[in-house]
Amino acid sequence: MLSVAPDHFHKDNVSGGAPYGIVLPDACADAHFVGEVGMPLVSYLNWVFRHGGFPRPTVTTGSGG
């Protein structure tokens, strides 16, 4: 596996698990991404971009005002 980023716990300065990565070798045109979930890389990027660049759910505190 080619490591591409630390896991979300490590990013919060907490001891975390395995880093996110891409499975190598991979003969597919769309590499397999391994993180909190495993899926094709292009599908993962589409999912992240649909959520504004954040791969994990965010918490909102209300409508403001």
C-alpha atoms as a PDB file:
ATOM      1  CA  MET A   1       0.000   0.000   0.000  1.00  0.00           C
ATOM      2  CA  LEU A   2       1.223   3.478  -0.879  1.00  0.00           C
ATOM      3  CA  SER A   3       0.509   5.806   2.066  1.00  0.00           C
ATOM      4  CA  VAL A   4      -1.007   9.123   0.969  1.00  0.00           C
ATOM      5  CA  ALA A   5      -2.302  10.706   4.217  1.00  0.00           C
ATOM      6  CA  PRO A   6      -2.510  10.088   7.967  1.00  0.00           C
ATOM      7  CA  ASP A   7      -5.826   8.883   9.367  1.00  0.00           C
ATOM      8  CA  HIS A   8      -8.308  11.347  10.908  1.00  0.00           C
ATOM      9  CA  PHE A   9      -7.209  10.559  14.480  1.00  0.00           C
ATOM     10  CA  HIS A  10      -3.592  11.422  13.705  1.00  0.00           C
ATOM     11  CA  LYS A  11      -4.758  14.680  12.120  1.00  0.00           C
ATOM     12  CA  ASP A  12      -6.385  15.558  15.489  1.00  0.00           C
ATOM     13  CA  ASN A  13      -3.035  14.935  17.259  1.00  0.00           C
ATOM     14  CA  VAL A  14      -4.304  11.665  18.740  1.00  0.00           C
ATOM     15  CA  SER A  15      -2.572   8.348  18.251  1.00  0.00           C
ATOM     16  CA  GLY A  16      -4.337   6.826  15.291  1.00  0.00           C
ATOM     17  CA  GLY A  17      -4.492   3.834  13.059  1.00  0.00           C
ATOM     18  CA  ALA A  18      -3.098   2.988   9.679  1.00  0.00           C
ATOM     19  CA  PRO A  19      -2.692   5.798   7.152  1.00  0.00           C
ATOM     20  CA  TYR A  20      -4.941   6.205   4.140  1.00  0.00           C
ATOM     21  CA  GLY A  21      -3.446   4.820   0.978  1.00  0.00           C
ATOM     22  CA  ILE A  22      -3.697   3.311  -2.461  1.00  0.00           C
ATOM     23  CA  VAL A  23      -3.292  -0.421  -3.020  1.00  0.00           C
ATOM     24  CA  LEU A  24      -0.265  -1.215  -5.181  1.00  0.00           C
ATOM     25  CA  PRO A  25       0.325  -2.929  -7.513  1.00  0.00           C
ATOM     26  CA  ASP A  26      -3.037  -2.446  -9.170  1.00  0.00           C
ATOM     27  CA  ALA A  27      -3.666  -3.198 -12.831  1.00  0.00           C
ATOM     28  CA  CYS A  28      -6.955  -1.261 -12.853  1.00  0.00           C
ATOM     29  CA  ALA A  29      -7.340   2.138 -14.467  1.00  0.00           C
ATOM     30  CA  ASP A  30      -8.960   3.341 -11.207  1.00  0.00           C
ATOM     31  CA  ALA A  31      -6.797   2.472  -8.195  1.00  0.00           C
ATOM     32  CA  HIS A  32      -8.353   1.136  -4.985  1.00  0.00           C
ATOM     33  CA  PHE A  33      -8.318   3.700  -2.146  1.00  0.00           C
ATOM     34  CA  VAL A  34      -8.084   2.400   1.423  1.00  0.00           C
ATOM     35  CA  GLY A  35      -9.116   4.646   4.304  1.00  0.00           C
ATOM     36  CA  GLU A  36     -12.063   4.486   6.664  1.00  0.00           C
ATOM     37  CA  VAL A  37     -13.788   2.795   3.746  1.00  0.00           C
ATOM     38  CA  GLY A  38     -12.355   1.045   0.724  1.00  0.00           C
ATOM     39  CA  MET A  39     -13.501   2.139  -2.723  1.00  0.00           C
ATOM     40  CA  PRO A  40     -12.138   3.087  -6.136  1.00  0.00           C
ATOM     41  CA  LEU A  41     -10.125   6.319  -5.948  1.00  0.00           C
ATOM     42  CA  VAL A  42     -12.301   8.271  -8.417  1.00  0.00           C
ATOM     43  CA  SER A  43     -15.457   7.298  -6.470  1.00  0.00           C
ATOM     44  CA  TYR A  44     -13.794   8.441  -3.226  1.00  0.00           C
ATOM     45  CA  LEU A  45     -12.809  11.791  -4.762  1.00  0.00           C
ATOM     46  CA  ASN A  46     -16.351  12.316  -6.101  1.00  0.00           C
ATOM     47  CA  TRP A  47     -17.740  11.542  -2.613  1.00  0.00           C
ATOM     48  CA  VAL A  48     -15.346  13.985  -0.940  1.00  0.00           C
ATOM     49  CA  PHE A  49     -16.066  16.782  -3.431  1.00  0.00           C
ATOM     50  CA  ARG A  50     -19.839  16.294  -2.992  1.00  0.00           C
ATOM     51  CA  HIS A  51     -19.265  17.055   0.706  1.00  0.00           C
ATOM     52  CA  GLY A  52     -17.313  20.254   0.123  1.00  0.00           C
ATOM     53  CA  GLY A  53     -13.878  18.638   0.360  1.00  0.00           C
ATOM     54  CA  PHE A  54     -14.502  16.976   3.709  1.00  0.00           C
ATOM     55  CA  PRO A  55     -14.620  13.159   3.652  1.00  0.00           C
ATOM     56  CA  ARG A  56     -16.215  12.900   7.109  1.00  0.00           C
ATOM     57  CA  PRO A  57     -19.589  14.269   8.260  1.00  0.00           C
ATOM     58  CA  THR A  58     -19.385  17.683   9.892  1.00  0.00           C
ATOM     59  CA  VAL A  59     -21.423  18.911  12.829  1.00  0.00           C
ATOM     60  CA  THR A  60     -23.398  22.123  12.577  1.00  0.00           C
ATOM     61  CA  THR A  61     -24.493  24.016  15.668  1.00  0.00           C
ATOM     62  CA  GLY A  62     -27.651  25.553  14.252  1.00  0.00           C
ATOM     63  CA  SER A  63     -28.849  28.193  11.869  1.00  0.00           C
ATOM     64  CA  GLY A  64     -26.942  31.021  13.552  1.00  0.00           C
ATOM     65  CA  GLY A  65     -28.412  34.376  13.978  1.00  0.00           C
END
